[in-house]
C-alpha cells in the first residue's frame, strides 16, 4: 500500500509555489516512537554536522508535527541545514518565513535575521 508524504516545503515556504509529492512505500517510511525521539535524532545529526541527514529528519519532523511547541526551532535548524549545504534559496525562504511568522523580537526570529544577513553578505 502506498501513501503520499507531502514535502513540508509547500506548507513552510510561502514563496515556493508547489512542491513535489514523494511517493513512499509504507514499510520504507521511518517510524519514530514520539515527536521527542524524532526531534532528538534530527538534532543529533545536526550537531554532528550531518546536514543532509538532519535536513531530511527535520522535514519529517515538521511535516509530522506541524503544531509542535518547538516548531520554530525545527524550522530554524532546517533552514540552517539548507544553508550549510549551499542551498541558499531554500534557507533564505525559511528564514524569511520564521521572521514573518514569529517576528524579529523573538529569539529564533533574531537568529534567522542574522543568518539571512550572513547569506546575503556572502553572495
PDB file of N, CA and C in Angstrom:
ATOM      1  N   UNK A   1       0.839  -1.177   0.000  1.00  0.00           N
ATOM      2  CA  UNK A   1       0.000   0.000   0.000  1.00  0.00           C
ATOM      3  C   UNK A   1       0.884   1.240   0.000  1.00  0.00           C
ATOM      4  N   UNK A   2       0.603   2.161  -0.910  1.00  0.00           N
ATOM      5  CA  UNK A   2       1.391   3.382  -0.987  1.00  0.00           C
ATOM      6  C   UNK A   2       0.692   4.490  -0.233  1.00  0.00           C
ATOM      7  N   UNK A   3       1.520   5.358   0.321  1.00  0.00           N
ATOM      8  CA  UNK A   3       0.976   6.569   0.903  1.00  0.00           C
ATOM      9  C   UNK A   3       1.789   7.727   0.366  1.00  0.00           C
ATOM     10  N   UNK A   4       1.233   8.886   0.398  1.00  0.00           N
ATOM     11  CA  UNK A   4       1.911  10.046  -0.146  1.00  0.00           C
ATOM     12  C   UNK A   4       2.344  10.931   1.000  1.00  0.00           C
ATOM     13  N   UNK A   5       3.619  11.243   1.006  1.00  0.00           N
ATOM     14  CA  UNK A   5       4.176  12.121   2.022  1.00  0.00           C
ATOM     15  C   UNK A   5       4.390  13.468   1.362  1.00  0.00           C
ATOM     16  N   UNK A   6       3.686  14.471   1.817  1.00  0.00           N
ATOM     17  CA  UNK A   6       3.817  15.798   1.234  1.00  0.00           C
ATOM     18  C   UNK A   6       5.088  16.454   1.741  1.00  0.00           C
ATOM     19  N   UNK A   7       5.805  17.018   0.833  1.00  0.00           N
ATOM     20  CA  UNK A   7       7.014  17.743   1.206  1.00  0.00           C
ATOM     21  C   UNK A   7       6.598  18.950   2.029  1.00  0.00           C
ATOM     22  N   UNK A   8       7.226  19.141   3.174  1.00  0.00           N
ATOM     23  CA  UNK A   8       6.807  20.229   4.055  1.00  0.00           C
ATOM     24  C   UNK A   8       7.125  21.593   3.468  1.00  0.00           C
ATOM     25  N   UNK A   9       7.878  21.642   2.384  1.00  0.00           N
ATOM     26  CA  UNK A   9       8.171  22.930   1.761  1.00  0.00           C
ATOM     27  C   UNK A   9       6.893  23.666   1.396  1.00  0.00           C
ATOM     28  N   UNK A  10       5.905  22.940   0.913  1.00  0.00           N
ATOM     29  CA  UNK A  10       4.662  23.563   0.479  1.00  0.00           C
ATOM     30  C   UNK A  10       3.969  24.263   1.628  1.00  0.00           C
ATOM     31  N   UNK A  11       4.115  23.727   2.823  1.00  0.00           N
ATOM     32  CA  UNK A  11       3.488  24.322   3.989  1.00  0.00           C
ATOM     33  C   UNK A  11       4.350  25.425   4.569  1.00  0.00           C
ATOM     34  N   UNK A  12       5.653  25.226   4.558  1.00  0.00           N
ATOM     35  CA  UNK A  12       6.550  26.119   5.263  1.00  0.00           C
ATOM     36  C   UNK A  12       7.012  27.320   4.472  1.00  0.00           C
ATOM     37  N   UNK A  13       7.192  27.150   3.200  1.00  0.00           N
ATOM     38  CA  UNK A  13       7.787  28.203   2.398  1.00  0.00           C
ATOM     39  C   UNK A  13       6.738  28.782   1.464  1.00  0.00           C
ATOM     40  N   UNK A  14       6.177  29.896   1.874  1.00  0.00           N
ATOM     41  CA  UNK A  14       5.108  30.516   1.098  1.00  0.00           C
ATOM     42  C   UNK A  14       5.609  30.974  -0.271  1.00  0.00           C
ATOM     43  N   UNK A  15       6.887  31.261  -0.373  1.00  0.00           N
ATOM     44  CA  UNK A  15       7.436  31.743  -1.632  1.00  0.00           C
ATOM     45  C   UNK A  15       7.510  30.662  -2.694  1.00  0.00           C
ATOM     46  N   UNK A  16       7.476  29.428  -2.288  1.00  0.00           N
ATOM     47  CA  UNK A  16       7.573  28.325  -3.228  1.00  0.00           C
ATOM     48  C   UNK A  16       6.171  27.935  -3.668  1.00  0.00           C
ATOM     49  N   UNK A  17       5.943  27.956  -4.947  1.00  0.00           N
ATOM     50  CA  UNK A  17       4.607  27.598  -5.433  1.00  0.00           C
ATOM     51  C   UNK A  17       4.586  26.121  -5.781  1.00  0.00           C
ATOM     52  N   UNK A  18       4.149  25.340  -4.830  1.00  0.00           N
ATOM     53  CA  UNK A  18       4.033  23.898  -5.046  1.00  0.00           C
ATOM     54  C   UNK A  18       5.322  23.164  -4.737  1.00  0.00           C
ATOM     55  N   UNK A  19       5.167  21.940  -4.423  1.00  0.00           N
ATOM     56  CA  UNK A  19       6.303  21.092  -4.114  1.00  0.00           C
ATOM     57  C   UNK A  19       5.922  19.677  -4.527  1.00  0.00           C
ATOM     58  N   UNK A  20       6.859  18.956  -5.032  1.00  0.00           N
ATOM     59  CA  UNK A  20       6.573  17.592  -5.497  1.00  0.00           C
ATOM     60  C   UNK A  20       6.125  16.715  -4.350  1.00  0.00           C
ATOM     61  N   UNK A  21       5.232  15.817  -4.652  1.00  0.00           N
ATOM     62  CA  UNK A  21       4.822  14.834  -3.660  1.00  0.00           C
ATOM     63  C   UNK A  21       5.700  13.615  -3.834  1.00  0.00           C
ATOM     64  N   UNK A  22       6.112  13.091  -2.724  1.00  0.00           N
ATOM     65  CA  UNK A  22       7.027  11.969  -2.765  1.00  0.00           C
ATOM     66  C   UNK A  22       6.305  10.689  -2.407  1.00  0.00           C
ATOM     67  N   UNK A  23       6.142   9.771  -3.357  1.00  0.00           N
ATOM     68  CA  UNK A  23       5.507   8.505  -3.002  1.00  0.00           C
ATOM     69  C   UNK A  23       6.473   7.665  -2.177  1.00  0.00           C
ATOM     70  N   UNK A  24       5.953   6.980  -1.197  1.00  0.00           N
ATOM     71  CA  UNK A  24       6.804   6.134  -0.368  1.00  0.00           C
ATOM     72  C   UNK A  24       6.051   4.867  -0.018  1.00  0.00           C
ATOM     73  N   UNK A  25       6.774   3.777   0.010  1.00  0.00           N
ATOM     74  CA  UNK A  25       6.183   2.533   0.475  1.00  0.00           C
ATOM     75  C   UNK A  25       6.003   2.647   1.988  1.00  0.00           C
ATOM     76  N   UNK A  26       4.896   2.169   2.466  1.00  0.00           N
ATOM     77  CA  UNK A  26       4.618   2.271   3.888  1.00  0.00           C
ATOM     78  C   UNK A  26       5.725   1.648   4.722  1.00  0.00           C
ATOM     79  N   UNK A  27       6.249   0.513   4.272  1.00  0.00           N
ATOM     80  CA  UNK A  27       7.297  -0.146   5.033  1.00  0.00           C
ATOM     81  C   UNK A  27       8.649   0.552   4.897  1.00  0.00           C
ATOM     82  N   UNK A  28       8.785   1.483   3.948  1.00  0.00           N
ATOM     83  CA  UNK A  28      10.020   2.241   3.778  1.00  0.00           C
ATOM     84  C   UNK A  28      10.064   3.467   4.670  1.00  0.00           C
ATOM     85  N   UNK A  29       8.926   3.951   5.095  1.00  0.00           N
ATOM     86  CA  UNK A  29       8.876   5.158   5.902  1.00  0.00           C
ATOM     87  C   UNK A  29       9.424   4.874   7.298  1.00  0.00           C
ATOM     88  N   UNK A  30      10.324   5.740   7.779  1.00  0.00           N
ATOM     89  CA  UNK A  30      10.863   5.513   9.109  1.00  0.00           C
ATOM     90  C   UNK A  30       9.791   5.695  10.182  1.00  0.00           C
ATOM     91  N   UNK A  31       9.910   4.953  11.243  1.00  0.00           N
ATOM     92  CA  UNK A  31       8.970   5.028  12.358  1.00  0.00           C
ATOM     93  C   UNK A  31       9.700   5.572  13.578  1.00  0.00           C
ATOM     94  N   UNK A  32       9.057   6.448  14.285  1.00  0.00           N
ATOM     95  CA  UNK A  32       9.637   7.025  15.490  1.00  0.00           C
ATOM     96  C   UNK A  32       8.626   6.891  16.617  1.00  0.00           C
ATOM     97  N   UNK A  33       9.119   6.619  17.800  1.00  0.00           N
ATOM     98  CA  UNK A  33       8.250   6.374  18.948  1.00  0.00           C
ATOM     99  C   UNK A  33       7.469   7.620  19.344  1.00  0.00           C
ATOM    100  N   UNK A  34       8.056   8.794  19.133  1.00  0.00           N
ATOM    101  CA  UNK A  34       7.382  10.026  19.544  1.00  0.00           C
ATOM    102  C   UNK A  34       8.030  11.224  18.857  1.00  0.00           C
ATOM    103  N   UNK A  35       7.402  12.373  19.049  1.00  0.00           N
ATOM    104  CA  UNK A  35       7.951  13.610  18.497  1.00  0.00           C
ATOM    105  C   UNK A  35       9.327  13.887  19.091  1.00  0.00           C
ATOM    106  N   UNK A  36       9.479  13.637  20.370  1.00  0.00           N
ATOM    107  CA  UNK A  36      10.761  13.936  21.011  1.00  0.00           C
ATOM    108  C   UNK A  36      11.876  13.021  20.503  1.00  0.00           C
ATOM    109  N   UNK A  37      11.559  11.771  20.194  1.00  0.00           N
ATOM    110  CA  UNK A  37      12.567  10.856  19.647  1.00  0.00           C
ATOM    111  C   UNK A  37      13.026  11.354  18.278  1.00  0.00           C
ATOM    112  N   UNK A  38      12.082  11.735  17.438  1.00  0.00           N
ATOM    113  CA  UNK A  38      12.427  12.238  16.107  1.00  0.00           C
ATOM    114  C   UNK A  38      13.207  13.545  16.210  1.00  0.00           C
ATOM    115  N   UNK A  39      12.768  14.449  17.074  1.00  0.00           N
ATOM    116  CA  UNK A  39      13.475  15.719  17.274  1.00  0.00           C
ATOM    117  C   UNK A  39      14.915  15.448  17.703  1.00  0.00           C
ATOM    118  N   UNK A  40      15.088  14.549  18.669  1.00  0.00           N
ATOM    119  CA  UNK A  40      16.426  14.228  19.161  1.00  0.00           C
ATOM    120  C   UNK A  40      17.308  13.645  18.062  1.00  0.00           C
ATOM    121  N   UNK A  41      16.744  12.792  17.211  1.00  0.00           N
ATOM    122  CA  UNK A  41      17.516  12.212  16.103  1.00  0.00           C
ATOM    123  C   UNK A  41      17.943  13.309  15.123  1.00  0.00           C
ATOM    124  N   UNK A  42      17.030  14.214  14.809  1.00  0.00           N
ATOM    125  CA  UNK A  42      17.348  15.310  13.897  1.00  0.00           C
ATOM    126  C   UNK A  42      18.406  16.224  14.510  1.00  0.00           C
ATOM    127  N   UNK A  43      18.235  16.548  15.777  1.00  0.00           N
ATOM    128  CA  UNK A  43      19.185  17.446  16.435  1.00  0.00           C
ATOM    129  C   UNK A  43      20.558  16.789  16.567  1.00  0.00           C
ATOM    130  N   UNK A  44      20.584  15.488  16.831  1.00  0.00           N
ATOM    131  CA  UNK A  44      21.843  14.763  16.929  1.00  0.00           C
ATOM    132  C   UNK A  44      22.594  14.818  15.594  1.00  0.00           C
ATOM    133  N   UNK A  45      21.893  14.573  14.502  1.00  0.00           N
ATOM    134  CA  UNK A  45      22.525  14.657  13.178  1.00  0.00           C
ATOM    135  C   UNK A  45      23.010  16.079  12.909  1.00  0.00           C
ATOM    136  N   UNK A  46      22.223  17.066  13.294  1.00  0.00           N
ATOM    137  CA  UNK A  46      22.595  18.473  13.119  1.00  0.00           C
ATOM    138  C   UNK A  46      23.878  18.783  13.893  1.00  0.00           C
ATOM    139  N   UNK A  47      23.932  18.372  15.143  1.00  0.00           N
ATOM    140  CA  UNK A  47      25.111  18.639  15.968  1.00  0.00           C
ATOM    141  C   UNK A  47      26.361  17.947  15.433  1.00  0.00           C
ATOM    142  N   UNK A  48      26.178  16.828  14.778  1.00  0.00           N
ATOM    143  CA  UNK A  48      27.309  16.092  14.201  1.00  0.00           C
ATOM    144  C   UNK A  48      27.667  16.606  12.805  1.00  0.00           C
ATOM    145  N   UNK A  49      27.041  17.699  12.388  1.00  0.00           N
ATOM    146  CA  UNK A  49      27.260  18.310  11.070  1.00  0.00           C
ATOM    147  C   UNK A  49      26.894  17.360   9.936  1.00  0.00           C
ATOM    148  N   UNK A  50      25.958  16.474  10.182  1.00  0.00           N
ATOM    149  CA  UNK A  50      25.418  15.590   9.146  1.00  0.00           C
ATOM    150  C   UNK A  50      24.184  16.297   8.572  1.00  0.00           C
ATOM    151  N   UNK A  51      24.434  17.381   7.841  1.00  0.00           N
ATOM    152  CA  UNK A  51      23.370  18.296   7.450  1.00  0.00           C
ATOM    153  C   UNK A  51      22.358  17.684   6.492  1.00  0.00           C
ATOM    154  N   UNK A  52      22.777  16.842   5.584  1.00  0.00           N
ATOM    155  CA  UNK A  52      21.819  16.216   4.666  1.00  0.00           C
ATOM    156  C   UNK A  52      20.871  15.296   5.433  1.00  0.00           C
ATOM    157  N   UNK A  53      21.412  14.498   6.322  1.00  0.00           N
ATOM    158  CA  UNK A  53      20.578  13.617   7.144  1.00  0.00           C
ATOM    159  C   UNK A  53      19.665  14.437   8.050  1.00  0.00           C
ATOM    160  N   UNK A  54      20.233  15.446   8.684  1.00  0.00           N
ATOM    161  CA  UNK A  54      19.438  16.298   9.571  1.00  0.00           C
ATOM    162  C   UNK A  54      18.324  16.998   8.796  1.00  0.00           C
ATOM    163  N   UNK A  55      18.638  17.467   7.591  1.00  0.00           N
ATOM    164  CA  UNK A  55      17.628  18.149   6.764  1.00  0.00           C
ATOM    165  C   UNK A  55      16.437  17.228   6.522  1.00  0.00           C
ATOM    166  N   UNK A  56      16.707  15.987   6.177  1.00  0.00           N
ATOM    167  CA  UNK A  56      15.619  15.048   5.927  1.00  0.00           C
ATOM    168  C   UNK A  56      14.818  14.773   7.194  1.00  0.00           C
ATOM    169  N   UNK A  57      15.494  14.622   8.309  1.00  0.00           N
ATOM    170  CA  UNK A  57      14.799  14.373   9.581  1.00  0.00           C
ATOM    171  C   UNK A  57      13.971  15.583  10.008  1.00  0.00           C
ATOM    172  N   UNK A  58      14.503  16.796   9.803  1.00  0.00           N
ATOM    173  CA  UNK A  58      13.725  17.999  10.140  1.00  0.00           C
ATOM    174  C   UNK A  58      12.483  18.086   9.250  1.00  0.00           C
ATOM    175  N   UNK A  59      12.622  17.742   7.975  1.00  0.00           N
ATOM    176  CA  UNK A  59      11.454  17.729   7.083  1.00  0.00           C
ATOM    177  C   UNK A  59      10.387  16.777   7.610  1.00  0.00           C
ATOM    178  N   UNK A  60      10.793  15.587   8.000  1.00  0.00           N
ATOM    179  CA  UNK A  60       9.841  14.608   8.530  1.00  0.00           C
ATOM    180  C   UNK A  60       9.208  15.143   9.805  1.00  0.00           C
ATOM    181  N   UNK A  61      10.026  15.700  10.685  1.00  0.00           N
ATOM    182  CA  UNK A  61       9.514  16.224  11.960  1.00  0.00           C
ATOM    183  C   UNK A  61       8.466  17.313  11.720  1.00  0.00           C
ATOM    184  N   UNK A  62       8.808  18.277  10.899  1.00  0.00           N
ATOM    185  CA  UNK A  62       7.910  19.410  10.643  1.00  0.00           C
ATOM    186  C   UNK A  62       6.636  18.956   9.943  1.00  0.00           C
ATOM    187  N   UNK A  63       6.769  18.032   9.004  1.00  0.00           N
ATOM    188  CA  UNK A  63       5.596  17.516   8.308  1.00  0.00           C
ATOM    189  C   UNK A  63       4.695  16.680   9.205  1.00  0.00           C
ATOM    190  N   UNK A  64       5.296  15.990  10.164  1.00  0.00           N
ATOM    191  CA  UNK A  64       4.542  15.118  11.055  1.00  0.00           C
ATOM    192  C   UNK A  64       3.963  15.866  12.252  1.00  0.00           C
ATOM    193  N   UNK A  65       4.678  16.873  12.720  1.00  0.00           N
ATOM    194  CA  UNK A  65       4.265  17.598  13.925  1.00  0.00           C
ATOM    195  C   UNK A  65       4.193  19.105  13.661  1.00  0.00           C
ATOM    196  N   UNK A  66       3.319  19.541  12.753  1.00  0.00           N
ATOM    197  CA  UNK A  66       3.258  20.971  12.402  1.00  0.00           C
ATOM    198  C   UNK A  66       2.743  21.873  13.532  1.00  0.00           C
ATOM    199  N   UNK A  67       2.155  21.286  14.556  1.00  0.00           N
ATOM    200  CA  UNK A  67       1.656  22.077  15.689  1.00  0.00           C
ATOM    201  C   UNK A  67       2.596  21.995  16.894  1.00  0.00           C
ATOM    202  N   UNK A  68       3.787  21.488  16.687  1.00  0.00           N
ATOM    203  CA  UNK A  68       4.750  21.315  17.770  1.00  0.00           C
ATOM    204  C   UNK A  68       5.077  22.634  18.461  1.00  0.00           C
ATOM    205  N   UNK A  69       5.300  22.554  19.750  1.00  0.00           N
ATOM    206  CA  UNK A  69       5.693  23.736  20.520  1.00  0.00           C
ATOM    207  C   UNK A  69       7.107  24.194  20.181  1.00  0.00           C
ATOM    208  N   UNK A  70       7.887  23.321  19.589  1.00  0.00           N
ATOM    209  CA  UNK A  70       9.257  23.676  19.205  1.00  0.00           C
ATOM    210  C   UNK A  70       9.405  23.790  17.687  1.00  0.00           C
ATOM    211  N   UNK A  71       8.307  24.068  17.019  1.00  0.00           N
ATOM    212  CA  UNK A  71       8.322  24.159  15.560  1.00  0.00           C
ATOM    213  C   UNK A  71       9.288  25.222  15.070  1.00  0.00           C
ATOM    214  N   UNK A  72       9.320  26.376  15.714  1.00  0.00           N
ATOM    215  CA  UNK A  72      10.195  27.438  15.212  1.00  0.00           C
ATOM    216  C   UNK A  72      11.666  27.047  15.323  1.00  0.00           C
ATOM    217  N   UNK A  73      12.031  26.296  16.339  1.00  0.00           N
ATOM    218  CA  UNK A  73      13.410  25.809  16.441  1.00  0.00           C
ATOM    219  C   UNK A  73      13.685  24.822  15.310  1.00  0.00           C
ATOM    220  N   UNK A  74      12.752  23.929  15.057  1.00  0.00           N
ATOM    221  CA  UNK A  74      12.918  22.944  13.982  1.00  0.00           C
ATOM    222  C   UNK A  74      13.041  23.645  12.625  1.00  0.00           C
ATOM    223  N   UNK A  75      12.230  24.672  12.411  1.00  0.00           N
ATOM    224  CA  UNK A  75      12.321  25.442  11.164  1.00  0.00           C
ATOM    225  C   UNK A  75      13.690  26.093  11.019  1.00  0.00           C
ATOM    226  N   UNK A  76      14.170  26.656  12.104  1.00  0.00           N
ATOM    227  CA  UNK A  76      15.483  27.305  12.086  1.00  0.00           C
ATOM    228  C   UNK A  76      16.580  26.290  11.758  1.00  0.00           C
ATOM    229  N   UNK A  77      16.561  25.156  12.433  1.00  0.00           N
ATOM    230  CA  UNK A  77      17.579  24.140  12.179  1.00  0.00           C
ATOM    231  C   UNK A  77      17.494  23.621  10.741  1.00  0.00           C
ATOM    232  N   UNK A  78      16.286  23.472  10.236  1.00  0.00           N
ATOM    233  CA  UNK A  78      16.110  23.059   8.847  1.00  0.00           C
ATOM    234  C   UNK A  78      16.716  24.103   7.911  1.00  0.00           C
ATOM    235  N   UNK A  79      16.414  25.367   8.160  1.00  0.00           N
ATOM    236  CA  UNK A  79      16.963  26.445   7.336  1.00  0.00           C
ATOM    237  C   UNK A  79      18.485  26.441   7.387  1.00  0.00           C
ATOM    238  N   UNK A  80      19.040  26.257   8.580  1.00  0.00           N
ATOM    239  CA  UNK A  80      20.497  26.262   8.712  1.00  0.00           C
ATOM    240  C   UNK A  80      21.122  25.062   7.999  1.00  0.00           C
ATOM    241  N   UNK A  81      20.456  23.921   8.013  1.00  0.00           N
ATOM    242  CA  UNK A  81      20.940  22.761   7.252  1.00  0.00           C
ATOM    243  C   UNK A  81      21.002  23.103   5.769  1.00  0.00           C
ATOM    244  N   UNK A  82      19.930  23.721   5.254  1.00  0.00           N
ATOM    245  CA  UNK A  82      19.936  24.141   3.848  1.00  0.00           C
ATOM    246  C   UNK A  82      21.117  25.082   3.590  1.00  0.00           C
ATOM    247  N   UNK A  83      21.329  26.025   4.492  1.00  0.00           N
ATOM    248  CA  UNK A  83      22.421  26.983   4.337  1.00  0.00           C
ATOM    249  C   UNK A  83      23.773  26.261   4.305  1.00  0.00           C
ATOM    250  N   UNK A  84      23.980  25.352   5.213  1.00  0.00           N
ATOM    251  CA  UNK A  84      25.257  24.646   5.288  1.00  0.00           C
ATOM    252  C   UNK A  84      25.480  23.738   4.086  1.00  0.00           C
ATOM    253  N   UNK A  85      24.409  23.327   3.434  1.00  0.00           N
ATOM    254  CA  UNK A  85      24.510  22.504   2.234  1.00  0.00           C
ATOM    255  C   UNK A  85      24.595  23.345   0.957  1.00  0.00           C
ATOM    256  N   UNK A  86      24.652  24.671   1.120  1.00  0.00           N
ATOM    257  CA  UNK A  86      24.757  25.565  -0.029  1.00  0.00           C
ATOM    258  C   UNK A  86      23.442  25.815  -0.734  1.00  0.00           C
ATOM    259  N   UNK A  87      22.343  25.483  -0.091  1.00  0.00           N
ATOM    260  CA  UNK A  87      21.006  25.672  -0.654  1.00  0.00           C
ATOM    261  C   UNK A  87      20.432  26.991  -0.116  1.00  0.00           C
ATOM    262  N   UNK A  88      21.084  28.074  -0.570  1.00  0.00           N
ATOM    263  CA  UNK A  88      20.781  29.393  -0.012  1.00  0.00           C
ATOM    264  C   UNK A  88      19.360  29.860  -0.273  1.00  0.00           C
ATOM    265  N   UNK A  89      18.822  29.565  -1.439  1.00  0.00           N
ATOM    266  CA  UNK A  89      17.456  29.999  -1.769  1.00  0.00           C
ATOM    267  C   UNK A  89      16.458  29.402  -0.770  1.00  0.00           C
ATOM    268  N   UNK A  90      16.596  28.117  -0.490  1.00  0.00           N
ATOM    269  CA  UNK A  90      15.704  27.445   0.456  1.00  0.00           C
ATOM    270  C   UNK A  90      15.912  27.989   1.869  1.00  0.00           C
ATOM    271  N   UNK A  91      17.176  28.208   2.220  1.00  0.00           N
ATOM    272  CA  UNK A  91      17.492  28.724   3.554  1.00  0.00           C
ATOM    273  C   UNK A  91      16.872  30.108   3.759  1.00  0.00           C
ATOM    274  N   UNK A  92      17.069  30.992   2.803  1.00  0.00           N
ATOM    275  CA  UNK A  92      16.526  32.354   2.918  1.00  0.00           C
ATOM    276  C   UNK A  92      15.003  32.320   2.996  1.00  0.00           C
ATOM    277  N   UNK A  93      14.375  31.483   2.188  1.00  0.00           N
ATOM    278  CA  UNK A  93      12.909  31.384   2.221  1.00  0.00           C
ATOM    279  C   UNK A  93      12.424  30.937   3.603  1.00  0.00           C
ATOM    280  N   UNK A  94      13.112  29.977   4.196  1.00  0.00           N
ATOM    281  CA  UNK A  94      12.727  29.519   5.542  1.00  0.00           C
ATOM    282  C   UNK A  94      13.020  30.570   6.599  1.00  0.00           C
ATOM    283  N   UNK A  95      14.174  31.226   6.502  1.00  0.00           N
ATOM    284  CA  UNK A  95      14.481  32.300   7.456  1.00  0.00           C
ATOM    285  C   UNK A  95      13.431  33.403   7.361  1.00  0.00           C
ATOM    286  N   UNK A  96      13.053  33.766   6.143  1.00  0.00           N
ATOM    287  CA  UNK A  96      12.009  34.780   5.958  1.00  0.00           C
ATOM    288  C   UNK A  96      10.692  34.327   6.586  1.00  0.00           C
ATOM    289  N   UNK A  97      10.373  33.055   6.421  1.00  0.00           N
ATOM    290  CA  UNK A  97       9.137  32.507   6.992  1.00  0.00           C
ATOM    291  C   UNK A  97       9.163  32.596   8.523  1.00  0.00           C
ATOM    292  N   UNK A  98      10.300  32.290   9.122  1.00  0.00           N
ATOM    293  CA  UNK A  98      10.437  32.372  10.578  1.00  0.00           C
ATOM    294  C   UNK A  98      10.237  33.812  11.038  1.00  0.00           C
ATOM    295  N   UNK A  99      10.884  34.741  10.355  1.00  0.00           N
ATOM    296  CA  UNK A  99      10.787  36.157  10.726  1.00  0.00           C
ATOM    297  C   UNK A  99       9.354  36.655  10.564  1.00  0.00           C
ATOM    298  N   UNK A 100       8.715  36.291   9.460  1.00  0.00           N
ATOM    299  CA  UNK A 100       7.336  36.708   9.198  1.00  0.00           C
ATOM    300  C   UNK A 100       6.371  36.119  10.227  1.00  0.00           C
ATOM    301  N   UNK A 101       6.560  34.867  10.553  1.00  0.00           N
ATOM    302  CA  UNK A 101       5.648  34.172  11.459  1.00  0.00           C
ATOM    303  C   UNK A 101       5.852  34.550  12.917  1.00  0.00           C
ATOM    304  N   UNK A 102       7.099  34.656  13.341  1.00  0.00           N
ATOM    305  CA  UNK A 102       7.384  34.837  14.763  1.00  0.00           C
ATOM    306  C   UNK A 102       7.902  36.224  15.130  1.00  0.00           C
ATOM    307  N   UNK A 103       8.265  37.018  14.127  1.00  0.00           N
ATOM    308  CA  UNK A 103       8.715  38.379  14.383  1.00  0.00           C
ATOM    309  C   UNK A 103      10.203  38.461  14.670  1.00  0.00           C
ATOM    310  N   UNK A 104      10.715  39.669  14.577  1.00  0.00           N
ATOM    311  CA  UNK A 104      12.147  39.859  14.780  1.00  0.00           C
ATOM    312  C   UNK A 104      12.515  40.096  16.242  1.00  0.00           C
ATOM    313  N   UNK A 105      11.522  40.127  17.126  1.00  0.00           N
ATOM    314  CA  UNK A 105      11.793  40.260  18.563  1.00  0.00           C
ATOM    315  C   UNK A 105      11.977  38.891  19.211  1.00  0.00           C
ATOM    316  N   UNK A 106      11.492  37.869  18.563  1.00  0.00           N
ATOM    317  CA  UNK A 106      11.615  36.502  19.044  1.00  0.00           C
ATOM    318  C   UNK A 106      13.066  36.034  18.867  1.00  0.00           C
ATOM    319  N   UNK A 107      13.564  35.192  19.786  1.00  0.00           N
ATOM    320  CA  UNK A 107      14.930  34.679  19.691  1.00  0.00           C
ATOM    321  C   UNK A 107      15.200  34.043  18.340  1.00  0.00           C
ATOM    322  N   UNK A 108      14.312  33.144  17.906  1.00  0.00           N
ATOM    323  CA  UNK A 108      14.531  32.439  16.639  1.00  0.00           C
ATOM    324  C   UNK A 108      14.412  33.394  15.457  1.00  0.00           C
ATOM    325  N   UNK A 109      13.549  34.393  15.577  1.00  0.00           N
ATOM    326  CA  UNK A 109      13.444  35.408  14.531  1.00  0.00           C
ATOM    327  C   UNK A 109      14.730  36.214  14.417  1.00  0.00           C
ATOM    328  N   UNK A 110      15.322  36.551  15.552  1.00  0.00           N
ATOM    329  CA  UNK A 110      16.590  37.284  15.540  1.00  0.00           C
ATOM    330  C   UNK A 110      17.708  36.433  14.926  1.00  0.00           C
ATOM    331  N   UNK A 111      17.746  35.169  15.290  1.00  0.00           N
ATOM    332  CA  UNK A 111      18.757  34.273  14.726  1.00  0.00           C
ATOM    333  C   UNK A 111      18.574  34.130  13.216  1.00  0.00           C
ATOM    334  N   UNK A 112      17.321  34.037  12.796  1.00  0.00           N
ATOM    335  CA  UNK A 112      17.027  33.931  11.360  1.00  0.00           C
ATOM    336  C   UNK A 112      17.483  35.188  10.622  1.00  0.00           C
ATOM    337  N   UNK A 113      17.274  36.341  11.230  1.00  0.00           N
ATOM    338  CA  UNK A 113      17.719  37.590  10.605  1.00  0.00           C
ATOM    339  C   UNK A 113      19.241  37.616  10.452  1.00  0.00           C
ATOM    340  N   UNK A 114      19.949  37.156  11.478  1.00  0.00           N
ATOM    341  CA  UNK A 114      21.415  37.115  11.403  1.00  0.00           C
ATOM    342  C   UNK A 114      21.899  36.174  10.306  1.00  0.00           C
ATOM    343  N   UNK A 115      21.280  35.002  10.218  1.00  0.00           N
ATOM    344  CA  UNK A 115      21.679  34.031   9.202  1.00  0.00           C
ATOM    345  C   UNK A 115      21.351  34.543   7.797  1.00  0.00           C
ATOM    346  N   UNK A 116      20.191  35.148   7.650  1.00  0.00           N
ATOM    347  CA  UNK A 116      19.802  35.688   6.338  1.00  0.00           C
ATOM    348  C   UNK A 116      20.799  36.763   5.909  1.00  0.00           C
ATOM    349  N   UNK A 117      21.170  37.625   6.842  1.00  0.00           N
ATOM    350  CA  UNK A 117      22.155  38.677   6.553  1.00  0.00           C
ATOM    351  C   UNK A 117      23.491  38.046   6.156  1.00  0.00           C
ATOM    352  N   UNK A 118      23.893  37.003   6.850  1.00  0.00           N
ATOM    353  CA  UNK A 118      25.133  36.295   6.546  1.00  0.00           C
ATOM    354  C   UNK A 118      25.126  35.766   5.109  1.00  0.00           C
ATOM    355  N   UNK A 119      24.026  35.166   4.707  1.00  0.00           N
ATOM    356  CA  UNK A 119      23.912  34.631   3.340  1.00  0.00           C
ATOM    357  C   UNK A 119      24.019  35.749   2.321  1.00  0.00           C
ATOM    358  N   UNK A 120      23.306  36.856   2.555  1.00  0.00           N
ATOM    359  CA  UNK A 120      23.305  37.975   1.599  1.00  0.00           C
ATOM    360  C   UNK A 120      24.687  38.591   1.479  1.00  0.00           C
ATOM    361  N   UNK A 121      25.436  38.649   2.595  1.00  0.00           N
ATOM    362  CA  UNK A 121      26.784  39.220   2.558  1.00  0.00           C
ATOM    363  C   UNK A 121      27.784  38.320   1.845  1.00  0.00           C
ATOM    364  N   UNK A 122      27.534  37.011   1.868  1.00  0.00           N
ATOM    365  CA  UNK A 122      28.433  36.057   1.226  1.00  0.00           C
ATOM    366  C   UNK A 122      28.252  36.002  -0.280  1.00  0.00           C
ATOM    367  N   UNK A 123      27.149  36.517  -0.769  1.00  0.00           N
ATOM    368  CA  UNK A 123      26.870  36.462  -2.216  1.00  0.00           C
ATOM    369  C   UNK A 123      27.733  37.427  -2.978  1.00  0.00           C
TER     370      UNK A 123
END
